[in-house]
Amino acid sequence: MPQEIMGMVWYKREDYERIRSICDDGDHFHATYDEWLEEAEACRKHLEGEGIKIVTTDLDPDRFLALCNSKKMRPNASARNWLAHDAAHRAIRQD
């Protein structure tokens, strides 16, 4: 039976405030990078404990905006989910 794979968007500390500012839903982000990181790592650990392989993809603000423009997407959770799904899909194709 193939292992379940899930993509997660990952932020770099130095990009976090900029990402919050460019995303339509940035006001729903954690107030600080450290708060986000603590929850993201706990979520990843939980999912891995359930046997799910997690594929992270760094969200570069400039590339994310270019992707959103090229795909006619708003920079929001849906676009970030698309990016995470795409990372998982690419990982499956490589296996």
C-alpha atoms as a PDB file:
ATOM      1  CA  MET A   1       0.000   0.000   0.000  1.00  0.00           C
ATOM      2  CA  PRO A   2       1.494   3.383  -0.993  1.00  0.00           C
ATOM      3  CA  GLN A   3       2.313   5.844   1.762  1.00  0.00           C
ATOM      4  CA  GLU A   4       0.083   8.903   2.042  1.00  0.00           C
ATOM      5  CA  ILE A   5       1.927  12.107   1.185  1.00  0.00           C
ATOM      6  CA  MET A   6       0.899  15.610   2.181  1.00  0.00           C
ATOM      7  CA  GLY A   7       2.442  18.929   1.208  1.00  0.00           C
ATOM      8  CA  MET A   8       2.983  21.778   3.653  1.00  0.00           C
ATOM      9  CA  VAL A   9       3.997  25.321   2.845  1.00  0.00           C
ATOM     10  CA  TRP A  10       6.942  26.375   4.973  1.00  0.00           C
ATOM     11  CA  TYR A  11       8.038  29.903   5.803  1.00  0.00           C
ATOM     12  CA  LYS A  12      11.504  31.244   6.464  1.00  0.00           C
ATOM     13  CA  ARG A  13      11.882  33.568   9.426  1.00  0.00           C
ATOM     14  CA  GLU A  14      13.213  36.379   7.251  1.00  0.00           C
ATOM     15  CA  ASP A  15      10.195  36.170   4.891  1.00  0.00           C
ATOM     16  CA  TYR A  16       7.382  35.748   7.424  1.00  0.00           C
ATOM     17  CA  GLU A  17       6.353  39.401   7.869  1.00  0.00           C
ATOM     18  CA  ARG A  18       6.464  40.043   4.125  1.00  0.00           C
ATOM     19  CA  ILE A  19       4.347  36.965   3.433  1.00  0.00           C
ATOM     20  CA  ARG A  20       1.808  38.110   6.024  1.00  0.00           C
ATOM     21  CA  SER A  21       1.667  41.509   4.317  1.00  0.00           C
ATOM     22  CA  ILE A  22       1.195  40.207   0.750  1.00  0.00           C
ATOM     23  CA  CYS A  23      -1.425  37.558   1.534  1.00  0.00           C
ATOM     24  CA  ASP A  24      -5.075  38.577   1.426  1.00  0.00           C
ATOM     25  CA  ASP A  25      -5.591  36.610   4.619  1.00  0.00           C
ATOM     26  CA  GLY A  26      -2.370  37.692   6.325  1.00  0.00           C
ATOM     27  CA  ASP A  27      -4.356  39.020   9.278  1.00  0.00           C
ATOM     28  CA  HIS A  28      -5.254  35.388  10.059  1.00  0.00           C
ATOM     29  CA  PHE A  29      -1.606  34.319  10.377  1.00  0.00           C
ATOM     30  CA  HIS A  30       0.044  33.845  13.745  1.00  0.00           C
ATOM     31  CA  ALA A  31       1.333  37.136  15.136  1.00  0.00           C
ATOM     32  CA  THR A  32       4.932  35.938  15.147  1.00  0.00           C
ATOM     33  CA  TYR A  33       7.093  33.520  13.220  1.00  0.00           C
ATOM     34  CA  ASP A  34       7.899  31.642  16.421  1.00  0.00           C
ATOM     35  CA  GLU A  35       4.192  31.053  17.124  1.00  0.00           C
ATOM     36  CA  TRP A  36       3.682  29.800  13.572  1.00  0.00           C
ATOM     37  CA  LEU A  37       6.777  27.569  13.717  1.00  0.00           C
ATOM     38  CA  GLU A  38       5.739  25.957  17.006  1.00  0.00           C
ATOM     39  CA  GLU A  39       2.306  25.058  15.626  1.00  0.00           C
ATOM     40  CA  ALA A  40       3.632  23.987  12.223  1.00  0.00           C
ATOM     41  CA  GLU A  41       6.211  21.672  13.763  1.00  0.00           C
ATOM     42  CA  ALA A  42       3.606  20.166  16.111  1.00  0.00           C
ATOM     43  CA  CYS A  43       1.261  19.598  13.161  1.00  0.00           C
ATOM     44  CA  ARG A  44       4.009  18.000  11.087  1.00  0.00           C
ATOM     45  CA  LYS A  45       5.056  15.753  13.969  1.00  0.00           C
ATOM     46  CA  HIS A  46       1.446  14.675  14.546  1.00  0.00           C
ATOM     47  CA  LEU A  47       0.874  13.855  10.872  1.00  0.00           C
ATOM     48  CA  GLU A  48       4.147  11.965  10.613  1.00  0.00           C
ATOM     49  CA  GLY A  49       3.097  10.023  13.697  1.00  0.00           C
ATOM     50  CA  GLU A  50      -0.019   9.009  11.763  1.00  0.00           C
ATOM     51  CA  GLY A  51       2.239   7.598   9.037  1.00  0.00           C
ATOM     52  CA  ILE A  52       1.853  10.485   6.589  1.00  0.00           C
ATOM     53  CA  LYS A  53       4.961  11.600   4.705  1.00  0.00           C
ATOM     54  CA  ILE A  54       5.207  15.394   4.839  1.00  0.00           C
ATOM     55  CA  VAL A  55       6.754  17.290   1.956  1.00  0.00           C
ATOM     56  CA  THR A  56       7.545  20.892   2.809  1.00  0.00           C
ATOM     57  CA  THR A  57       7.966  23.622   0.239  1.00  0.00           C
ATOM     58  CA  ASP A  58       9.429  26.998   1.108  1.00  0.00           C
ATOM     59  CA  LEU A  59       7.225  29.916   0.188  1.00  0.00           C
ATOM     60  CA  ASP A  60       9.339  32.623  -1.417  1.00  0.00           C
ATOM     61  CA  PRO A  61       7.252  35.822  -1.430  1.00  0.00           C
ATOM     62  CA  ASP A  62       8.312  37.015  -4.886  1.00  0.00           C
ATOM     63  CA  ARG A  63       7.892  33.626  -6.541  1.00  0.00           C
ATOM     64  CA  PHE A  64       4.560  33.140  -4.753  1.00  0.00           C
ATOM     65  CA  LEU A  65       3.224  36.438  -6.104  1.00  0.00           C
ATOM     66  CA  ALA A  66       4.466  35.560  -9.602  1.00  0.00           C
ATOM     67  CA  LEU A  67       2.760  32.154  -9.364  1.00  0.00           C
ATOM     68  CA  CYS A  68      -0.484  33.765  -8.211  1.00  0.00           C
ATOM     69  CA  ASN A  69      -0.358  36.254 -11.071  1.00  0.00           C
ATOM     70  CA  SER A  70       0.397  33.584 -13.664  1.00  0.00           C
ATOM     71  CA  LYS A  71      -2.410  31.318 -12.403  1.00  0.00           C
ATOM     72  CA  LYS A  72      -4.825  34.217 -11.814  1.00  0.00           C
ATOM     73  CA  MET A  73      -5.087  33.270  -8.122  1.00  0.00           C
ATOM     74  CA  ARG A  74      -5.399  35.554  -5.129  1.00  0.00           C
ATOM     75  CA  PRO A  75      -2.476  35.272  -2.665  1.00  0.00           C
ATOM     76  CA  ASN A  76      -4.405  33.449   0.047  1.00  0.00           C
ATOM     77  CA  ALA A  77      -4.895  30.054   1.699  1.00  0.00           C
ATOM     78  CA  SER A  78      -6.218  28.515  -1.512  1.00  0.00           C
ATOM     79  CA  ALA A  79      -3.069  29.495  -3.400  1.00  0.00           C
ATOM     80  CA  ARG A  80      -0.836  28.262  -0.579  1.00  0.00           C
ATOM     81  CA  ASN A  81      -2.760  24.974  -0.543  1.00  0.00           C
ATOM     82  CA  TRP A  82      -2.281  24.690  -4.300  1.00  0.00           C
ATOM     83  CA  LEU A  83       1.467  25.172  -3.807  1.00  0.00           C
ATOM     84  CA  ALA A  84       1.570  22.510  -1.055  1.00  0.00           C
ATOM     85  CA  HIS A  85      -0.457  20.066  -3.156  1.00  0.00           C
ATOM     86  CA  ASP A  86       1.842  20.656  -6.116  1.00  0.00           C
ATOM     87  CA  ALA A  87       4.904  19.905  -3.946  1.00  0.00           C
ATOM     88  CA  ALA A  88       3.332  16.636  -2.781  1.00  0.00           C
ATOM     89  CA  HIS A  89       2.406  15.714  -6.344  1.00  0.00           C
ATOM     90  CA  ARG A  90       5.976  16.337  -7.529  1.00  0.00           C
ATOM     91  CA  ALA A  91       7.292  14.165  -4.674  1.00  0.00           C
ATOM     92  CA  ILE A  92       4.991  11.317  -5.722  1.00  0.00           C
ATOM     93  CA  ARG A  93       6.225  11.522  -9.318  1.00  0.00           C
ATOM     94  CA  GLN A  94       9.850  11.336  -8.120  1.00  0.00           C
ATOM     95  CA  ASP A  95       9.245   8.158  -6.093  1.00  0.00           C
END
